[in-house]
Each structure stands twice: as structure tokens, then as C-alpha cells.
Protein backbone atom coordinates (compact mmCIF):
# COMPACT_ATOMS: atom_id res chain seq x y z
CA MET A 1 117.08 130.30 235.97
CA SER A 2 114.12 132.94 235.93
CA ALA A 3 111.77 133.63 232.97
CA GLU A 4 113.34 137.42 232.94
CA GLY A 5 116.80 135.88 232.56
CA THR A 6 116.13 133.87 229.43
CA SER A 7 116.12 134.59 225.64
CA LEU A 8 113.00 133.61 223.82
CA ARG A 9 113.73 130.89 221.37
CA ARG A 10 111.61 128.92 219.40
CA PRO A 11 111.54 125.04 220.74
CA ARG A 12 113.69 122.51 219.14
CA ALA A 13 111.96 120.01 216.61
CA VAL A 14 110.69 116.42 217.42
CA GLN A 15 113.20 114.07 215.92
CA GLY A 16 110.83 110.69 216.57
CA ALA A 17 113.63 108.44 217.66
CA LEU A 18 112.10 105.27 219.49
CA ARG A 19 112.98 105.37 223.19
CA GLY A 20 112.50 103.11 226.26
CA GLY A 21 110.64 104.24 229.51
CA HIS A 22 107.06 104.53 228.56
CA GLN A 23 103.90 104.17 230.16
CA LEU A 24 101.28 103.40 227.70
CA LEU A 25 97.55 103.18 228.58
CA LEU A 26 94.69 102.59 225.79
CA LEU A 27 91.67 104.64 226.49
CA GLN A 28 88.56 103.88 224.42
CA GLY A 29 85.77 106.58 223.62
CA GLY A 30 84.94 109.72 225.81
CA ALA A 31 83.90 107.39 228.65
CA GLU A 32 87.16 106.30 229.39
CA PHE A 33 89.37 109.49 227.95
CA PHE A 34 87.53 112.27 229.46
CA PRO A 35 87.60 111.38 233.26
CA ALA A 36 91.52 110.66 232.62
CA LEU A 37 91.97 113.65 231.22
CA VAL A 38 89.77 115.93 233.82
CA ASP A 39 91.61 113.95 236.53
CA ALA A 40 95.05 114.92 235.10
CA MET A 41 94.20 118.45 234.82
CA ASP A 42 92.90 118.52 238.42
CA ALA A 43 95.96 117.59 239.64
CA ALA A 44 98.06 120.16 236.93
CA ARG A 45 99.93 122.72 238.91
CA ARG A 46 101.94 124.55 236.41
CA VAL A 47 100.46 124.15 232.93
CA VAL A 48 97.54 122.39 230.81
CA HIS A 49 98.20 122.57 227.19
CA LEU A 50 95.32 121.15 225.02
CA GLU A 51 94.73 120.95 221.26
CA THR A 52 91.45 119.47 219.44
CA TYR A 53 89.61 119.66 216.28
CA ILE A 54 86.42 119.83 217.81
CA PHE A 55 85.20 121.07 220.99
CA GLU A 56 81.45 120.75 221.36
CA PHE A 57 80.42 122.58 224.80
CA ALA A 58 77.51 119.97 225.34
CA GLY A 59 76.99 116.76 227.13
CA SER A 60 79.83 114.69 228.71
CA ALA A 61 82.43 116.90 226.91
CA LEU A 62 81.49 119.95 229.32
CA SER A 63 83.26 118.33 231.90
CA VAL A 64 86.52 119.00 230.14
CA ALA A 65 85.81 122.56 229.87
CA GLU A 66 84.97 122.93 233.50
CA ALA A 67 88.11 121.14 234.24
CA LEU A 68 90.15 123.60 232.12
CA GLU A 69 88.30 126.43 234.02
CA ARG A 70 89.05 125.43 237.45
CA ALA A 71 92.66 124.82 236.72
CA ALA A 72 93.30 128.62 235.35
CA ARG A 73 91.07 129.75 238.27
CA ARG A 74 93.50 128.21 241.02
CA GLY A 75 96.74 129.88 238.95
CA VAL A 76 97.78 126.95 236.22
CA VAL A 77 98.47 128.28 233.09
CA VAL A 78 95.78 127.09 230.62
CA ARG A 79 96.01 127.03 226.64
CA LEU A 80 93.35 125.91 224.40
CA VAL A 81 93.93 125.46 220.58
CA ILE A 82 90.76 124.67 218.52
CA ASP A 83 90.65 124.03 214.53
CA GLY A 84 88.69 126.53 212.74
CA VAL A 85 86.67 124.14 210.87
CA GLY A 86 86.05 121.79 213.46
CA THR A 87 84.47 124.48 215.81
CA PRO A 88 84.43 127.70 214.52
CA ALA A 89 83.52 129.71 217.48
CA LEU A 90 83.15 128.91 221.13
CA PRO A 91 79.90 129.71 222.36
CA ARG A 92 79.71 133.54 224.02
CA ALA A 93 79.20 132.10 227.42
CA TRP A 94 82.03 129.98 227.38
CA GLN A 95 84.11 132.59 225.68
CA GLU A 96 83.30 134.76 228.99
CA ARG A 97 83.58 132.20 231.60
CA PHE A 98 87.26 131.27 229.78
CA ASP A 99 88.02 134.84 229.51
CA ALA A 100 87.16 135.73 233.33
CA ALA A 101 89.27 132.43 234.46
CA GLY A 102 92.05 133.22 232.51
CA VAL A 103 92.22 130.51 230.11
CA ARG A 104 94.16 131.76 227.17
CA TRP A 105 92.68 130.13 223.63
CA HIS A 106 93.02 130.30 220.22
CA ILE A 107 90.70 129.30 217.05
CA TYR A 108 93.59 127.77 214.69
CA ALA A 109 93.17 129.31 210.93
CA PRO A 110 89.38 130.47 211.35
CA LEU A 111 87.84 130.23 207.67
CA GLY A 112 87.30 133.84 207.06
CA ARG A 113 85.06 135.16 204.21
CA PHE A 114 85.84 132.53 201.53
CA GLY A 115 85.78 129.51 203.72
CA LEU A 116 87.03 126.31 202.30
CA LEU A 117 87.19 127.90 198.67
CA LEU A 118 90.63 128.65 199.13
CA PRO A 119 93.24 125.43 199.23
CA SER A 120 95.19 127.33 201.68
CA ARG A 121 92.40 126.89 204.29
CA TRP A 122 92.63 123.14 203.79
CA ARG A 123 95.43 122.51 205.86
CA ARG A 124 93.70 121.99 209.08
CA LEU A 125 94.76 121.38 212.83
CA HIS A 126 93.40 117.72 213.15
CA ARG A 127 95.69 116.52 216.09
CA LYS A 128 94.31 115.69 219.59
CA LEU A 129 96.84 116.20 221.91
CA CYS A 130 97.18 117.51 225.54
CA VAL A 131 99.96 117.80 228.01
CA VAL A 132 99.87 118.48 231.99
CA ASP A 133 102.80 119.94 233.41
CA GLY A 134 105.06 118.58 231.04
CA THR A 135 104.90 114.90 232.68
CA VAL A 136 101.54 113.13 231.34
CA GLY A 137 100.35 113.36 227.76
CA PHE A 138 97.51 112.56 225.74
CA CYS A 139 97.40 111.38 222.11
CA GLY A 140 94.77 110.02 220.31
CA GLY A 141 91.50 110.58 217.44
CA ILE A 142 88.82 111.58 220.50
CA ASN A 143 87.79 114.78 220.18
CA ILE A 144 85.98 116.98 222.82
CA ILE A 145 82.58 115.71 222.04
CA ASP A 146 79.86 113.64 223.70
CA ASP A 147 80.35 110.10 222.57
CA GLN A 148 76.75 109.98 221.15
CA ASP A 149 76.73 112.98 219.54
CA ASP A 150 78.23 113.59 216.08
CA VAL A 151 78.29 117.06 213.88
CA SER A 152 77.77 115.17 210.62
CA LEU A 153 75.26 112.19 211.69
CA GLY A 154 73.48 113.70 214.69
CA ARG A 155 72.55 111.86 217.58
CA LEU A 156 73.89 108.25 217.66
CA ASP A 157 71.94 105.38 219.05
CA ALA A 158 75.05 103.95 220.62
CA PRO A 159 78.71 105.48 221.75
CA ARG A 160 80.97 106.37 218.56
CA LEU A 161 84.52 103.67 218.56
CA ASP A 162 87.38 105.70 219.18
CA PHE A 163 90.56 105.74 221.14
CA SER A 164 92.93 107.99 223.16
CA LEU A 165 96.50 107.02 224.46
CA ARG A 166 97.32 108.38 227.92
CA VAL A 167 101.30 108.77 227.97
CA ALA A 168 103.94 109.05 230.41
CA GLY A 169 107.69 108.83 229.87
CA PRO A 170 110.31 110.45 227.21
CA LEU A 171 107.92 111.39 224.45
CA VAL A 172 105.85 113.66 226.74
CA ARG A 173 108.46 116.09 226.51
CA ASN A 174 108.25 116.17 222.38
CA MET A 175 104.66 116.62 222.87
CA THR A 176 105.32 119.54 224.62
CA GLU A 177 107.79 121.03 222.40
CA THR A 178 105.43 120.45 219.20
CA MET A 179 102.69 122.24 221.09
CA GLU A 180 104.76 124.99 222.26
CA GLN A 181 105.98 125.64 218.69
CA LEU A 182 102.33 126.10 217.33
CA TRP A 183 101.52 128.20 220.33
CA TRP A 184 104.35 130.29 219.87
CA ARG A 185 103.23 130.81 216.03
CA LEU A 186 100.13 131.87 216.85
CA GLN A 187 100.95 134.53 219.31
CA ALA A 188 100.96 138.16 218.03
CA ALA A 189 104.30 139.73 218.27
CA SER A 190 103.52 142.24 221.49
CA ASN A 191 105.97 142.24 223.80
CA ALA A 192 103.40 141.41 226.45
CA ARG A 193 102.64 137.83 224.67
CA ARG A 194 106.24 137.48 224.11
CA ARG A 195 106.70 138.04 228.24
CA GLU A 196 104.01 135.40 228.58
CA PHE A 197 105.35 132.95 226.31
CA LYS A 198 108.74 133.19 227.93
CA ALA A 199 107.11 132.53 231.27
CA ALA A 200 104.99 129.56 230.41
CA TRP A 201 107.97 127.93 228.56
CA GLU A 202 110.14 128.25 231.73
CA ALA A 203 107.69 126.80 233.65
CA LEU A 204 107.41 123.95 231.95
CA ARG A 205 111.33 123.35 231.48
CA GLU A 206 111.23 123.51 235.49
CA SER A 207 108.17 121.65 236.17
CA GLN A 208 108.28 118.34 237.97
CA PRO A 209 106.09 115.23 238.28
CA VAL A 210 103.04 116.47 240.26
CA GLY A 211 100.26 114.95 241.38
CA ASP A 212 98.97 111.21 242.31
CA PHE A 213 98.03 109.52 238.93
CA SER A 214 98.47 106.20 240.62
CA ARG A 215 94.71 105.77 241.56
CA LEU A 216 94.50 105.45 237.73
CA LEU A 217 96.28 102.36 237.28
CA LYS A 218 96.20 98.61 238.75
CA LYS A 219 99.02 95.86 237.99
CA ILE A 220 98.19 92.91 236.13
CA ASP A 221 99.83 89.99 234.87
CA PRO A 222 98.78 88.87 231.29
CA ALA A 223 99.37 85.49 229.96
CA GLY A 224 102.45 85.37 228.41
CA ALA A 225 104.02 88.81 229.16
CA GLY A 226 107.27 88.50 230.92
CA THR A 227 106.72 92.16 232.67
CA GLN A 228 103.95 93.80 234.18
CA ALA A 229 100.75 95.79 232.18
CA SER A 230 98.33 98.14 233.47
CA GLY A 231 94.82 98.40 232.99
CA ILE A 232 92.63 101.57 234.22
CA ASP A 233 90.61 101.81 237.56
CA SER A 234 86.62 101.35 237.26
CA THR A 235 86.57 104.92 238.26
CA LEU A 236 87.26 105.98 234.72
CA GLY A 237 83.89 104.80 233.39
CA ASP A 238 82.07 101.60 232.62
CA THR A 239 82.14 100.58 228.82
CA GLY A 240 82.18 96.95 229.67
CA ALA A 241 85.95 96.15 229.48
CA ALA A 242 89.04 97.40 231.16
CA PRO A 243 91.57 99.87 228.92
CA LEU A 244 94.82 98.09 228.03
CA GLY A 245 98.19 99.33 228.87
CA VAL A 246 102.09 98.65 229.60
CA ASP A 247 104.76 99.81 231.13
CA SER A 248 108.60 100.21 230.21
CA ALA A 249 107.50 100.48 226.60
CA ARG A 250 109.61 101.97 223.65
CA ALA A 251 107.56 104.49 221.89
CA THR A 252 107.74 107.80 219.71
CA LEU A 253 105.81 110.75 218.64
CA LEU A 254 104.96 111.04 214.88
CA LEU A 255 104.08 114.28 213.78
CA ARG A 256 102.63 115.19 210.32
CA ASP A 257 102.94 119.16 209.30
CA ASN A 258 103.63 120.97 206.30
CA VAL A 259 107.18 121.73 206.99
CA SER A 260 109.66 119.20 208.18
CA HIS A 261 107.38 116.35 209.04
CA ARG A 262 105.49 116.23 205.89
CA HIS A 263 105.59 112.14 205.34
CA ASP A 264 106.61 110.80 208.57
CA ILE A 265 103.72 109.08 209.63
CA GLU A 266 103.12 107.84 206.21
CA ARG A 267 106.53 106.29 205.97
CA ALA A 268 106.00 105.03 209.44
CA TYR A 269 102.92 102.93 208.07
CA LEU A 270 104.75 101.83 204.64
CA LYS A 271 107.72 100.76 206.78
CA ALA A 272 105.35 98.34 209.22
CA ILE A 273 103.58 97.10 206.54
CA GLY A 274 106.51 96.41 204.17
CA ALA A 275 107.99 94.08 206.90
CA ALA A 276 104.66 92.28 207.71
CA ARG A 277 104.82 88.56 207.79
CA ARG A 278 101.50 87.38 209.35
CA GLU A 279 98.99 90.05 210.02
CA ILE A 280 98.17 94.08 209.35
CA MET A 281 95.02 94.99 211.27
CA ILE A 282 93.82 98.58 210.72
CA ALA A 283 90.87 100.33 212.17
CA ASN A 284 90.23 104.03 210.38
CA ALA A 285 87.18 106.05 209.99
CA TYR A 286 88.09 107.69 206.59
CA PHE A 287 90.35 105.02 204.36
CA ILE A 288 91.08 106.24 201.06
CA PRO A 289 94.77 105.24 200.90
CA GLY A 290 96.94 106.72 198.19
CA ARG A 291 99.12 104.90 195.74
CA LYS A 292 102.08 104.02 198.12
CA LEU A 293 99.80 102.46 201.03
CA ARG A 294 97.45 100.59 198.16
CA ARG A 295 100.29 99.23 196.68
CA ALA A 296 102.00 98.24 200.24
CA LEU A 297 98.89 96.45 201.48
CA LEU A 298 98.41 94.64 198.06
CA LEU A 299 102.23 93.37 198.06
CA ALA A 300 101.50 92.34 201.75
CA ALA A 301 98.38 90.18 200.86
CA ALA A 302 100.19 88.86 197.51
CA ARG A 303 102.76 87.28 199.91
CA GLY A 304 100.24 85.90 202.16
CA VAL A 305 99.99 88.55 204.81
CA ARG A 306 96.56 88.48 206.40
CA VAL A 307 95.05 92.29 205.82
CA ARG A 308 92.16 93.10 207.69
CA LEU A 309 90.47 96.60 208.20
CA LEU A 310 87.93 97.76 210.25
CA SER A 311 86.18 100.97 208.27
CA GLN A 312 83.26 103.38 209.04
CA GLY A 313 80.11 101.83 208.08
CA ARG A 314 77.76 105.13 208.41
CA TYR A 315 77.07 107.44 205.46
CA GLU A 316 78.60 110.37 206.47
CA ASN A 317 79.14 112.25 203.41
CA PHE A 318 79.40 111.78 199.71
CA PHE A 319 82.99 112.02 199.15
CA GLN A 320 83.79 110.25 202.24
CA TYR A 321 81.64 107.19 201.39
CA ARG A 322 81.60 107.25 197.47
CA ALA A 323 85.40 108.20 196.91
CA ALA A 324 86.39 104.94 199.09
CA ARG A 325 84.29 102.42 197.07
CA PRO A 326 86.82 102.15 194.03
CA VAL A 327 89.63 101.62 196.65
CA TYR A 328 87.84 98.99 198.48
CA GLN A 329 86.77 97.21 195.01
CA LEU A 330 90.80 97.10 194.68
CA LEU A 331 91.30 95.90 197.87
CA VAL A 332 88.56 93.50 198.44
CA ASN A 333 89.62 91.51 194.92
CA ALA A 334 93.30 91.14 195.95
CA GLY A 335 91.97 88.84 199.27
CA ILE A 336 92.00 91.84 201.67
CA GLU A 337 89.06 91.76 204.18
CA ILE A 338 86.91 94.95 205.07
CA HIS A 339 84.72 94.99 207.84
CA GLU A 340 82.34 98.02 208.34
CA TYR A 341 81.84 98.82 211.71
CA ALA A 342 78.14 98.27 212.48
CA PRO A 343 76.96 99.72 216.10
CA SER A 344 77.41 103.15 215.69
CA ALA A 345 80.10 105.53 213.74
CA LEU A 346 83.60 104.71 214.00
CA HIS A 347 86.16 107.17 214.45
CA ALA A 348 89.09 105.42 215.24
CA LYS A 349 92.81 105.68 213.78
CA VAL A 350 94.76 102.57 215.24
CA ALA A 351 96.61 99.85 213.60
CA VAL A 352 98.77 96.72 214.57
CA VAL A 353 101.10 94.80 212.43
CA ASP A 354 102.29 91.29 213.44
CA GLU A 355 101.93 91.96 217.17
CA ARG A 356 105.08 94.03 217.27
CA TRP A 357 104.00 97.22 215.83
CA ALA A 358 101.42 99.44 217.12
CA THR A 359 100.26 102.98 216.68
CA VAL A 360 97.17 105.14 217.84
CA GLY A 361 96.88 108.77 216.89
CA SER A 362 94.72 111.41 214.99
CA THR A 363 95.86 110.43 211.58
CA ASN A 364 93.06 109.07 209.06
CA LEU A 365 94.63 106.95 205.96
CA ASP A 366 92.65 109.50 203.48
CA PRO A 367 94.68 112.36 201.53
CA LEU A 368 93.50 115.07 203.86
CA SER A 369 95.18 113.49 206.87
CA LEU A 370 98.40 112.39 205.12
CA LEU A 371 98.67 115.36 202.81
CA LEU A 372 97.42 118.59 204.38
CA ALA A 373 96.29 118.26 207.91
CA ARG A 374 98.24 118.86 210.98
CA GLU A 375 98.27 115.17 212.62
CA ALA A 376 99.88 113.38 215.71
CA ASN A 377 100.34 109.27 216.25
CA VAL A 378 102.27 107.61 219.14
CA MET A 379 103.83 104.69 217.74
CA THR A 380 105.26 101.74 219.60
CA THR A 381 107.16 98.69 218.82
CA ASP A 382 106.18 96.98 222.57
CA ARG A 383 105.00 93.62 221.79
CA ARG A 384 102.65 93.47 224.91
CA PHE A 385 101.02 96.49 223.88
CA ALA A 386 100.55 95.38 220.30
CA ARG A 387 99.50 92.12 221.32
CA LEU A 388 96.82 93.64 223.55
CA LEU A 389 95.55 96.21 221.19
CA ARG A 390 95.37 93.14 218.41
CA GLY A 391 93.29 90.97 220.50
CA HIS A 392 91.03 94.30 221.11
CA LEU A 393 90.40 95.02 217.50
CA ASP A 394 90.04 91.50 216.85
CA ASP A 395 87.03 91.13 219.21
CA LEU A 396 85.39 94.44 217.49
CA VAL A 397 85.92 92.92 214.24
CA LEU A 398 83.95 89.58 215.16
CA SER A 399 81.41 91.06 217.20
CA SER A 400 80.92 94.72 215.62
CA GLY A 401 81.98 94.27 211.92
CA GLN A 402 80.10 93.49 208.75
CA MET A 403 82.51 91.99 206.08
CA LEU A 404 81.85 93.16 202.51
CA ASP A 405 81.39 90.89 200.27
CA VAL A 406 83.20 90.74 197.15
CA GLN A 407 80.55 89.77 194.90
CA ALA A 408 78.13 92.30 196.33
CA LEU A 409 80.55 94.95 195.80
CA SER A 410 81.16 94.48 192.12
CA SER A 411 77.48 93.68 191.44
CA ARG A 412 76.05 97.09 192.27
CA HIS A 413 74.07 99.05 189.98
CA TRP A 414 76.20 100.87 187.53
CA THR A 415 75.08 104.33 188.42
CA GLN A 416 76.32 103.41 191.73
CA ARG A 417 79.68 102.82 190.31
CA VAL A 418 79.86 105.87 188.47
CA LEU A 419 78.97 108.08 191.20
CA ASP A 420 82.19 106.29 193.13
CA ARG A 421 84.22 107.09 190.24
CA VAL A 422 83.29 110.70 189.96
CA ALA A 423 84.11 110.96 193.79
CA PHE A 424 87.07 109.60 193.47
CA GLY A 425 88.05 111.74 190.34
CA ILE A 426 87.14 114.68 192.01
CA MET A 427 89.09 114.01 194.77
CA ARG A 428 92.34 113.60 192.90
CA ALA A 429 91.91 116.61 190.80
CA THR A 430 91.08 118.48 194.12
CA LEU A 431 94.19 117.40 195.40
CA PHE A 432 96.32 118.21 191.99
CA VAL A 433 95.16 121.63 192.59
CA THR A 434 97.30 122.02 195.95
CA GLY A 435 100.40 120.13 194.24
CA HIS A 436 99.83 116.94 195.73
CA ARG A 437 99.48 113.36 193.27
CA TYR A 438 97.21 110.93 195.11
């Protein structure tokens, strides 16, 4: 059916049900993520759709900008949405290049005159999603920024720790629909924009798998796995270890938005933590869990579950560092292990429970992510993937984590503890203004 013969309709909402038949491939850092992303974009024939919080047009991130430009020049529909806080404006030179090539781009919720003084501006686009031709998708925490550049910390001594997931299978359709939903809302109501939307949506509906992605994969047979798992070819960069992945996995897309999916990601965490019997491992950059998550972790520790957290070890800003300390004190007093990542900045948002549940995405376990920002995570119950991710996180904790000492944390000078409480109190009061309890 042609685009002209169909009626414009809003894409249906994502349901989030677990389904089989997925290929999941874990990518660590931009060194692995960017080449995989560029390879998919260079194979695109119909549509490339990318959403990100930060897009820095420098260093290794330039390869992604150039791939978007190349795709648009050969007639692919290319869409880019960037958050207005993460990247307030595109560089003038790249605006001109994208416009000349035909890349369609939007800045999501620009701050305007009053900036973040308005609570309505606190709702940000924090998810990092990309879909190519409706057949291959990417979901994770990695922004389009060089691994050793940081908007808060400046130039890093070593690459930051972060993850993304390359996905093939049924949930890519859900990724497509949720991105189309947002794009539909961002469009002006002009006839020209409506026609463009209709044509691009029909292109996605009619798309078939294209390009040769087989060179990204090699088959391995991990010990104890009954089926084959997949690693990544060395062409995707050298970070010291092959990325991890599996075929035929059960997985789903979890969203956090301000309408129909306000608590989906938090509920998934609560359910998994509540069912834990042996071990919970979480790597999360901004870890300030609310009452429900704190209680779930404390109850898990009380029933003998080993709970380990790998968190950000760098002082990035006052609230991120200080507001977390009262929560850390409560958790370590209950026997929960907190390890701060030492080599560089940590930006990861992944978790594993009992080697039977795992998630990779953009969601920090802090109030902004759980209550205000648009987020996206992939969740899987594939034991092979959970086992592989757990092993990788275990290696990181042992080799790169510095464990917080209970006594040292509690014996800090009283002025430090007061600052911590002030930061935590301001955070809670600020959220109260938006109508949330935390």
C-alpha cells in the first residue's frame, strides 16, 4: 500500500511483554558501540532513527555524525533527536552539513529563557535509542561522545565505563514505534510535515532486513551453555575483551515516560530484586534509589542475598555526590557492598539478578531517571546472557572497584555529614515541587 493511500495514525503503544527470538550483543564504551552503529548506518537503505541525550561533534563521536550524513546523501530517511540540556544546540557547521545532506533533526525541549528554573523543563529525553531499517536496534547508556571526553569532568585519563546493547528481533519493532511516537509529537502540524511522516512510517512498515551484519558476529560455545552465544568481531575496536552476546533470547523493551509507562522500569527492578535468592549486582552511575528500591534492597540483604553495587567514584557535582552518601550509609550498614569505580568515570546502567534476569539501558536509579526523564532499557530473562554479564561485572568489581568502608563512611567529619543531609533534603524538597515523593 502506498503512503498516499493510508491514513496518518499514531503508532500503538509498546506493551513490554517478554518474547523470544532476540539476538543480544553487549557493547562496552564508544570503542565498540560507535563502529557497530556506523556499520549498521552504512548498510541502511530506508530509515535511520537516532535519539540521544548528548551528541558531541568531536573525537570518535564524529564517526557517527559522518555516518548519518552519508546515509542521508544516498537517500535514506535520517532522523536525529537530541535533548536540549544534554546538547543545547548543534554546532553551526554541522547544522549546515546536516541540512545540506537532508538529515532531519530536532532539539528536544529547548530550555528557553528560564532554563531549568521551570519544573516542567526537568522532564528530559535521556534514552539512547537507534533503529536502522526497522531490523536492528541499539539501546543503552552510551551518549554520542568520545570515551575520554566528559561534559562535567573534562578530559578523562581513561575511557569511561558504559554499555549499550545491539538487538535484533521482535522488540526492535517496539523501539521503532516508541521513537515514531516521539517524532510524531515533535512535528509541526503542517501538511508537508504530515506527508513526510506518513511516507517515512510506511517505509518502516514495509522494510525488510537489509545489509550484511553477519561479519559483526562470530560463534562461540561458552562452557555450560546449551546453545550458541555470540561475540563481536575484532573490527569493532580493541578494549581488551570481546563483547558478550547470545542468540534466541527472551527479551522486552522497558520504557519510562510521563504518560503510560511512568513506573515500568522501577517495577521491573522491584520484581527482580524481590525474587532474588542468591545475588544482586548493579552497576549504576547515579545511584540514589527511592524508598521502594531502598526497602527492596534492604529486605534482600536481610534474607541473605549478596548485594553488590558498582557506582561512580568521581566527584561530578554536589548533589550527585552528596545526596548519595546518606543512602550509601544506610545500605552498607545493612551489609550491602558498594564499590566505587576507580579507573575513570562510570556511566553504566546495567544489573543482573541470580544469573537469570538482566537489564541494559539508560536508566539511572536516581529520582530524575525514575520519576522525570524519558528512559529505555532492554530486559532479558536469558540465563546465558545474565551469566555472561554477571561474570563481566564481577571482573570489573574485583579489578577496578574500591569498596566503601563502613567505619570510614560513618566516621567522616560532622560537617561532611551535614552537607550530605542538606543535599539529600534539597533533592527531596525539589521533587516535592513536581508532585513526587522520594
